[in-house]
Amino acid sequence: MSTRSLQDAIKECLSDDGKISKYEARVIRELIMSDGVVSEEEKRVLEAALNDNQFDEQGFELLSGVLLRSNLK
């Protein structure tokens, strides 16, 4: 997946209420994992979004888990 598409997806999810819900986080996770690899650029974009607290609690847990698992590989 291109990093630009990931950034666009995050922006679109934030446009309604400023937070990414669990459902929206699932969609983002599927976009990231569609090629089976979490690239360094995807990690960077995801880390920035997580650090900016752009997720509700369940969305944060879901995507921080993706980031954690990708760093363990």
PDB file of N, CA and C in Angstrom:
ATOM      1  N   MET A   1       0.845  -1.179   0.000  1.00  0.00           N
ATOM      2  CA  MET A   1       0.000   0.000   0.000  1.00  0.00           C
ATOM      3  C   MET A   1       0.887   1.237   0.000  1.00  0.00           C
ATOM      4  N   SER A   2       0.471   2.235  -0.716  1.00  0.00           N
ATOM      5  CA  SER A   2       1.263   3.458  -0.714  1.00  0.00           C
ATOM      6  C   SER A   2       1.015   4.251   0.563  1.00  0.00           C
ATOM      7  N   THR A   3       2.055   4.909   1.017  1.00  0.00           N
ATOM      8  CA  THR A   3       1.955   5.715   2.228  1.00  0.00           C
ATOM      9  C   THR A   3       0.948   6.833   2.045  1.00  0.00           C
ATOM     10  N   ARG A   4       0.904   7.382   0.854  1.00  0.00           N
ATOM     11  CA  ARG A   4      -0.048   8.460   0.580  1.00  0.00           C
ATOM     12  C   ARG A   4      -1.481   7.979   0.812  1.00  0.00           C
ATOM     13  N   SER A   5      -1.788   6.780   0.354  1.00  0.00           N
ATOM     14  CA  SER A   5      -3.133   6.233   0.552  1.00  0.00           C
ATOM     15  C   SER A   5      -3.432   6.050   2.031  1.00  0.00           C
ATOM     16  N   LEU A   6      -2.453   5.622   2.812  1.00  0.00           N
ATOM     17  CA  LEU A   6      -2.635   5.464   4.252  1.00  0.00           C
ATOM     18  C   LEU A   6      -2.892   6.820   4.893  1.00  0.00           C
ATOM     19  N   GLN A   7      -2.121   7.808   4.517  1.00  0.00           N
ATOM     20  CA  GLN A   7      -2.339   9.158   5.054  1.00  0.00           C
ATOM     21  C   GLN A   7      -3.720   9.677   4.668  1.00  0.00           C
ATOM     22  N   ASP A   8      -4.126   9.433   3.435  1.00  0.00           N
ATOM     23  CA  ASP A   8      -5.455   9.861   2.979  1.00  0.00           C
ATOM     24  C   ASP A   8      -6.553   9.155   3.757  1.00  0.00           C
ATOM     25  N   ALA A   9      -6.388   7.864   4.012  1.00  0.00           N
ATOM     26  CA  ALA A   9      -7.386   7.108   4.767  1.00  0.00           C
ATOM     27  C   ALA A   9      -7.507   7.646   6.186  1.00  0.00           C
ATOM     28  N   ILE A  10      -6.389   7.944   6.820  1.00  0.00           N
ATOM     29  CA  ILE A  10      -6.405   8.491   8.176  1.00  0.00           C
ATOM     30  C   ILE A  10      -7.092   9.853   8.173  1.00  0.00           C
ATOM     31  N   LYS A  11      -6.756  10.698   7.204  1.00  0.00           N
ATOM     32  CA  LYS A  11      -7.376  12.016   7.101  1.00  0.00           C
ATOM     33  C   LYS A  11      -8.887  11.916   6.924  1.00  0.00           C
ATOM     34  N   GLU A  12      -9.302  11.000   6.067  1.00  0.00           N
ATOM     35  CA  GLU A  12     -10.739  10.832   5.816  1.00  0.00           C
ATOM     36  C   GLU A  12     -11.465  10.358   7.074  1.00  0.00           C
ATOM     37  N   CYS A  13     -10.858   9.429   7.799  1.00  0.00           N
ATOM     38  CA  CYS A  13     -11.474   8.938   9.040  1.00  0.00           C
ATOM     39  C   CYS A  13     -11.574  10.037  10.092  1.00  0.00           C
ATOM     40  N   LEU A  14     -10.620  10.935  10.112  1.00  0.00           N
ATOM     41  CA  LEU A  14     -10.616  12.019  11.089  1.00  0.00           C
ATOM     42  C   LEU A  14     -11.587  13.140  10.737  1.00  0.00           C
ATOM     43  N   SER A  15     -12.016  13.202   9.489  1.00  0.00           N
ATOM     44  CA  SER A  15     -12.808  14.341   9.019  1.00  0.00           C
ATOM     45  C   SER A  15     -14.161  14.469   9.702  1.00  0.00           C
ATOM     46  N   ASP A  16     -14.740  13.383  10.190  1.00  0.00           N
ATOM     47  CA  ASP A  16     -16.077  13.490  10.777  1.00  0.00           C
ATOM     48  C   ASP A  16     -16.071  13.940  12.236  1.00  0.00           C
ATOM     49  N   ASP A  17     -15.228  13.327  13.073  1.00  0.00           N
ATOM     50  CA  ASP A  17     -15.268  13.684  14.498  1.00  0.00           C
ATOM     51  C   ASP A  17     -13.890  13.878  15.133  1.00  0.00           C
ATOM     52  N   GLY A  18     -12.849  13.816  14.334  1.00  0.00           N
ATOM     53  CA  GLY A  18     -11.501  14.059  14.849  1.00  0.00           C
ATOM     54  C   GLY A  18     -10.853  12.873  15.527  1.00  0.00           C
ATOM     55  N   LYS A  19     -11.541  11.741  15.586  1.00  0.00           N
ATOM     56  CA  LYS A  19     -10.996  10.517  16.180  1.00  0.00           C
ATOM     57  C   LYS A  19     -11.256   9.351  15.243  1.00  0.00           C
ATOM     58  N   ILE A  20     -10.393   8.353  15.316  1.00  0.00           N
ATOM     59  CA  ILE A  20     -10.566   7.146  14.520  1.00  0.00           C
ATOM     60  C   ILE A  20     -11.144   6.070  15.430  1.00  0.00           C
ATOM     61  N   SER A  21     -12.308   5.573  15.048  1.00  0.00           N
ATOM     62  CA  SER A  21     -13.016   4.574  15.853  1.00  0.00           C
ATOM     63  C   SER A  21     -12.430   3.180  15.633  1.00  0.00           C
ATOM     64  N   LYS A  22     -12.929   2.232  16.410  1.00  0.00           N
ATOM     65  CA  LYS A  22     -12.500   0.842  16.264  1.00  0.00           C
ATOM     66  C   LYS A  22     -12.814   0.341  14.854  1.00  0.00           C
ATOM     67  N   TYR A  23     -13.993   0.646  14.348  1.00  0.00           N
ATOM     68  CA  TYR A  23     -14.369   0.223  12.994  1.00  0.00           C
ATOM     69  C   TYR A  23     -13.419   0.821  11.952  1.00  0.00           C
ATOM     70  N   GLU A  24     -13.167   2.120  12.069  1.00  0.00           N
ATOM     71  CA  GLU A  24     -12.263   2.782  11.117  1.00  0.00           C
ATOM     72  C   GLU A  24     -10.848   2.223  11.248  1.00  0.00           C
ATOM     73  N   ALA A  25     -10.434   1.897  12.470  1.00  0.00           N
ATOM     74  CA  ALA A  25      -9.107   1.320  12.686  1.00  0.00           C
ATOM     75  C   ALA A  25      -9.000  -0.048  12.016  1.00  0.00           C
ATOM     76  N   ARG A  26     -10.095  -0.808  12.027  1.00  0.00           N
ATOM     77  CA  ARG A  26     -10.088  -2.108  11.338  1.00  0.00           C
ATOM     78  C   ARG A  26      -9.869  -1.929   9.837  1.00  0.00           C
ATOM     79  N   VAL A  27     -10.524  -0.931   9.268  1.00  0.00           N
ATOM     80  CA  VAL A  27     -10.361  -0.651   7.835  1.00  0.00           C
ATOM     81  C   VAL A  27      -8.910  -0.254   7.549  1.00  0.00           C
ATOM     82  N   ILE A  28      -8.344   0.607   8.380  1.00  0.00           N
ATOM     83  CA  ILE A  28      -6.952   1.029   8.203  1.00  0.00           C
ATOM     84  C   ILE A  28      -6.020  -0.169   8.343  1.00  0.00           C
ATOM     85  N   ARG A  29      -6.290  -1.040   9.320  1.00  0.00           N
ATOM     86  CA  ARG A  29      -5.468  -2.242   9.490  1.00  0.00           C
ATOM     87  C   ARG A  29      -5.503  -3.100   8.235  1.00  0.00           C
ATOM     88  N   GLU A  30      -6.686  -3.264   7.648  1.00  0.00           N
ATOM     89  CA  GLU A  30      -6.803  -4.065   6.429  1.00  0.00           C
ATOM     90  C   GLU A  30      -6.032  -3.428   5.273  1.00  0.00           C
ATOM     91  N   LEU A  31      -6.063  -2.103   5.184  1.00  0.00           N
ATOM     92  CA  LEU A  31      -5.291  -1.418   4.146  1.00  0.00           C
ATOM     93  C   LEU A  31      -3.792  -1.672   4.331  1.00  0.00           C
ATOM     94  N   ILE A  32      -3.334  -1.558   5.564  1.00  0.00           N
ATOM     95  CA  ILE A  32      -1.914  -1.759   5.852  1.00  0.00           C
ATOM     96  C   ILE A  32      -1.499  -3.192   5.556  1.00  0.00           C
ATOM     97  N   MET A  33      -2.325  -4.138   5.964  1.00  0.00           N
ATOM     98  CA  MET A  33      -1.964  -5.544   5.850  1.00  0.00           C
ATOM     99  C   MET A  33      -2.315  -6.161   4.499  1.00  0.00           C
ATOM    100  N   SER A  34      -2.875  -5.400   3.587  1.00  0.00           N
ATOM    101  CA  SER A  34      -3.320  -5.949   2.304  1.00  0.00           C
ATOM    102  C   SER A  34      -2.190  -6.595   1.511  1.00  0.00           C
ATOM    103  N   ASP A  35      -0.970  -6.103   1.667  1.00  0.00           N
ATOM    104  CA  ASP A  35       0.156  -6.708   0.958  1.00  0.00           C
ATOM    105  C   ASP A  35       0.972  -7.642   1.859  1.00  0.00           C
ATOM    106  N   GLY A  36       0.509  -7.825   3.099  1.00  0.00           N
ATOM    107  CA  GLY A  36       1.164  -8.743   4.018  1.00  0.00           C
ATOM    108  C   GLY A  36       2.393  -8.198   4.713  1.00  0.00           C
ATOM    109  N   VAL A  37       2.718  -6.940   4.457  1.00  0.00           N
ATOM    110  CA  VAL A  37       3.922  -6.334   5.021  1.00  0.00           C
ATOM    111  C   VAL A  37       3.594  -4.947   5.550  1.00  0.00           C
ATOM    112  N   VAL A  38       4.147  -4.616   6.722  1.00  0.00           N
ATOM    113  CA  VAL A  38       4.039  -3.251   7.241  1.00  0.00           C
ATOM    114  C   VAL A  38       5.371  -2.581   6.924  1.00  0.00           C
ATOM    115  N   SER A  39       5.349  -1.702   5.930  1.00  0.00           N
ATOM    116  CA  SER A  39       6.582  -1.049   5.495  1.00  0.00           C
ATOM    117  C   SER A  39       7.063  -0.041   6.540  1.00  0.00           C
ATOM    118  N   GLU A  40       8.306   0.361   6.417  1.00  0.00           N
ATOM    119  CA  GLU A  40       8.869   1.365   7.329  1.00  0.00           C
ATOM    120  C   GLU A  40       8.088   2.672   7.239  1.00  0.00           C
ATOM    121  N   GLU A  41       7.657   3.028   6.046  1.00  0.00           N
ATOM    122  CA  GLU A  41       6.893   4.263   5.848  1.00  0.00           C
ATOM    123  C   GLU A  41       5.516   4.145   6.505  1.00  0.00           C
ATOM    124  N   GLU A  42       4.881   2.980   6.364  1.00  0.00           N
ATOM    125  CA  GLU A  42       3.587   2.769   7.013  1.00  0.00           C
ATOM    126  C   GLU A  42       3.742   2.827   8.534  1.00  0.00           C
ATOM    127  N   LYS A  43       4.809   2.249   9.048  1.00  0.00           N
ATOM    128  CA  LYS A  43       5.085   2.314  10.484  1.00  0.00           C
ATOM    129  C   LYS A  43       5.220   3.765  10.938  1.00  0.00           C
ATOM    130  N   ARG A  44       5.935   4.565  10.160  1.00  0.00           N
ATOM    131  CA  ARG A  44       6.149   5.969  10.504  1.00  0.00           C
ATOM    132  C   ARG A  44       4.827   6.733  10.562  1.00  0.00           C
ATOM    133  N   VAL A  45       3.993   6.545   9.553  1.00  0.00           N
ATOM    134  CA  VAL A  45       2.695   7.230   9.492  1.00  0.00           C
ATOM    135  C   VAL A  45       1.807   6.774  10.649  1.00  0.00           C
ATOM    136  N   LEU A  46       1.799   5.475  10.913  1.00  0.00           N
ATOM    137  CA  LEU A  46       0.976   4.934  11.994  1.00  0.00           C
ATOM    138  C   LEU A  46       1.467   5.418  13.357  1.00  0.00           C
ATOM    139  N   GLU A  47       2.769   5.422  13.562  1.00  0.00           N
ATOM    140  CA  GLU A  47       3.325   5.931  14.823  1.00  0.00           C
ATOM    141  C   GLU A  47       2.948   7.388  15.048  1.00  0.00           C
ATOM    142  N   ALA A  48       3.038   8.192  13.987  1.00  0.00           N
ATOM    143  CA  ALA A  48       2.690   9.612  14.109  1.00  0.00           C
ATOM    144  C   ALA A  48       1.219   9.776  14.504  1.00  0.00           C
ATOM    145  N   ALA A  49       0.338   8.999  13.874  1.00  0.00           N
ATOM    146  CA  ALA A  49      -1.089   9.088  14.202  1.00  0.00           C
ATOM    147  C   ALA A  49      -1.341   8.639  15.642  1.00  0.00           C
ATOM    148  N   LEU A  50      -0.674   7.578  16.063  1.00  0.00           N
ATOM    149  CA  LEU A  50      -0.843   7.096  17.434  1.00  0.00           C
ATOM    150  C   LEU A  50      -0.305   8.112  18.433  1.00  0.00           C
ATOM    151  N   ASN A  51       0.832   8.715  18.133  1.00  0.00           N
ATOM    152  CA  ASN A  51       1.414   9.724  19.024  1.00  0.00           C
ATOM    153  C   ASN A  51       0.560  10.980  19.112  1.00  0.00           C
ATOM    154  N   ASP A  52      -0.151  11.282  18.027  1.00  0.00           N
ATOM    155  CA  ASP A  52      -1.032  12.456  18.018  1.00  0.00           C
ATOM    156  C   ASP A  52      -2.386  12.165  18.648  1.00  0.00           C
ATOM    157  N   ASN A  53      -2.557  10.936  19.164  1.00  0.00           N
ATOM    158  CA  ASN A  53      -3.785  10.540  19.851  1.00  0.00           C
ATOM    159  C   ASN A  53      -5.019  10.758  18.975  1.00  0.00           C
ATOM    160  N   GLN A  54      -4.950  10.244  17.750  1.00  0.00           N
ATOM    161  CA  GLN A  54      -6.046  10.425  16.808  1.00  0.00           C
ATOM    162  C   GLN A  54      -7.052   9.279  16.835  1.00  0.00           C
ATOM    163  N   PHE A  55      -6.943   8.386  17.823  1.00  0.00           N
ATOM    164  CA  PHE A  55      -7.793   7.205  17.878  1.00  0.00           C
ATOM    165  C   PHE A  55      -8.593   7.174  19.165  1.00  0.00           C
ATOM    166  N   ASP A  56      -9.797   6.582  19.105  1.00  0.00           N
ATOM    167  CA  ASP A  56     -10.477   6.296  20.353  1.00  0.00           C
ATOM    168  C   ASP A  56      -9.747   5.118  21.002  1.00  0.00           C
ATOM    169  N   GLU A  57     -10.133   4.758  22.205  1.00  0.00           N
ATOM    170  CA  GLU A  57      -9.379   3.757  22.957  1.00  0.00           C
ATOM    171  C   GLU A  57      -9.284   2.416  22.223  1.00  0.00           C
ATOM    172  N   GLN A  58     -10.372   1.934  21.671  1.00  0.00           N
ATOM    173  CA  GLN A  58     -10.359   0.646  20.984  1.00  0.00           C
ATOM    174  C   GLN A  58      -9.579   0.703  19.678  1.00  0.00           C
ATOM    175  N   GLY A  59      -9.693   1.807  18.969  1.00  0.00           N
ATOM    176  CA  GLY A  59      -8.923   1.980  17.737  1.00  0.00           C
ATOM    177  C   GLY A  59      -7.433   2.034  18.028  1.00  0.00           C
ATOM    178  N   PHE A  60      -7.075   2.720  19.110  1.00  0.00           N
ATOM    179  CA  PHE A  60      -5.678   2.817  19.517  1.00  0.00           C
ATOM    180  C   PHE A  60      -5.121   1.430  19.822  1.00  0.00           C
ATOM    181  N   GLU A  61      -5.868   0.637  20.583  1.00  0.00           N
ATOM    182  CA  GLU A  61      -5.414  -0.711  20.940  1.00  0.00           C
ATOM    183  C   GLU A  61      -5.215  -1.570  19.704  1.00  0.00           C
ATOM    184  N   LEU A  62      -6.143  -1.499  18.772  1.00  0.00           N
ATOM    185  CA  LEU A  62      -6.075  -2.309  17.562  1.00  0.00           C
ATOM    186  C   LEU A  62      -4.840  -1.983  16.731  1.00  0.00           C
ATOM    187  N   LEU A  63      -4.615  -0.702  16.459  1.00  0.00           N
ATOM    188  CA  LEU A  63      -3.508  -0.331  15.581  1.00  0.00           C
ATOM    189  C   LEU A  63      -2.165  -0.292  16.294  1.00  0.00           C
ATOM    190  N   SER A  64      -2.147  -0.055  17.591  1.00  0.00           N
ATOM    191  CA  SER A  64      -0.866  -0.143  18.296  1.00  0.00           C
ATOM    192  C   SER A  64      -0.414  -1.598  18.319  1.00  0.00           C
ATOM    193  N   GLY A  65      -1.365  -2.539  18.334  1.00  0.00           N
ATOM    194  CA  GLY A  65      -1.031  -3.958  18.245  1.00  0.00           C
ATOM    195  C   GLY A  65      -0.401  -4.305  16.906  1.00  0.00           C
ATOM    196  N   VAL A  66      -0.910  -3.726  15.823  1.00  0.00           N
ATOM    197  CA  VAL A  66      -0.321  -3.942  14.494  1.00  0.00           C
ATOM    198  C   VAL A  66       1.118  -3.441  14.489  1.00  0.00           C
ATOM    199  N   LEU A  67       1.313  -2.274  15.036  1.00  0.00           N
ATOM    200  CA  LEU A  67       2.657  -1.676  15.087  1.00  0.00           C
ATOM    201  C   LEU A  67       3.589  -2.524  15.944  1.00  0.00           C
ATOM    202  N   LEU A  68       3.120  -2.970  17.086  1.00  0.00           N
ATOM    203  CA  LEU A  68       3.942  -3.783  17.980  1.00  0.00           C
ATOM    204  C   LEU A  68       4.339  -5.089  17.311  1.00  0.00           C
ATOM    205  N   ARG A  69       3.390  -5.770  16.690  1.00  0.00           N
ATOM    206  CA  ARG A  69       3.703  -7.042  16.014  1.00  0.00           C
ATOM    207  C   ARG A  69       4.664  -6.832  14.864  1.00  0.00           C
ATOM    208  N   SER A  70       4.533  -5.726  14.147  1.00  0.00           N
ATOM    209  CA  SER A  70       5.437  -5.484  13.012  1.00  0.00           C
ATOM    210  C   SER A  70       6.853  -5.224  13.488  1.00  0.00           C
ATOM    211  N   ASN A  71       6.998  -4.643  14.667  1.00  0.00           N
ATOM    212  CA  ASN A  71       8.340  -4.375  15.210  1.00  0.00           C
ATOM    213  C   ASN A  71       8.987  -5.626  15.771  1.00  0.00           C
ATOM    214  N   LEU A  72       8.187  -6.637  16.076  1.00  0.00           N
ATOM    215  CA  LEU A  72       8.729  -7.887  16.617  1.00  0.00           C
ATOM    216  C   LEU A  72       9.266  -8.811  15.540  1.00  0.00           C
ATOM    217  N   LYS A  73       8.885  -8.580  14.299  1.00  0.00           N
ATOM    218  CA  LYS A  73       9.302  -9.454  13.195  1.00  0.00           C
ATOM    219  C   LYS A  73      10.706  -9.124  12.752  1.00  0.00           C
TER     220      LYS A  73
END
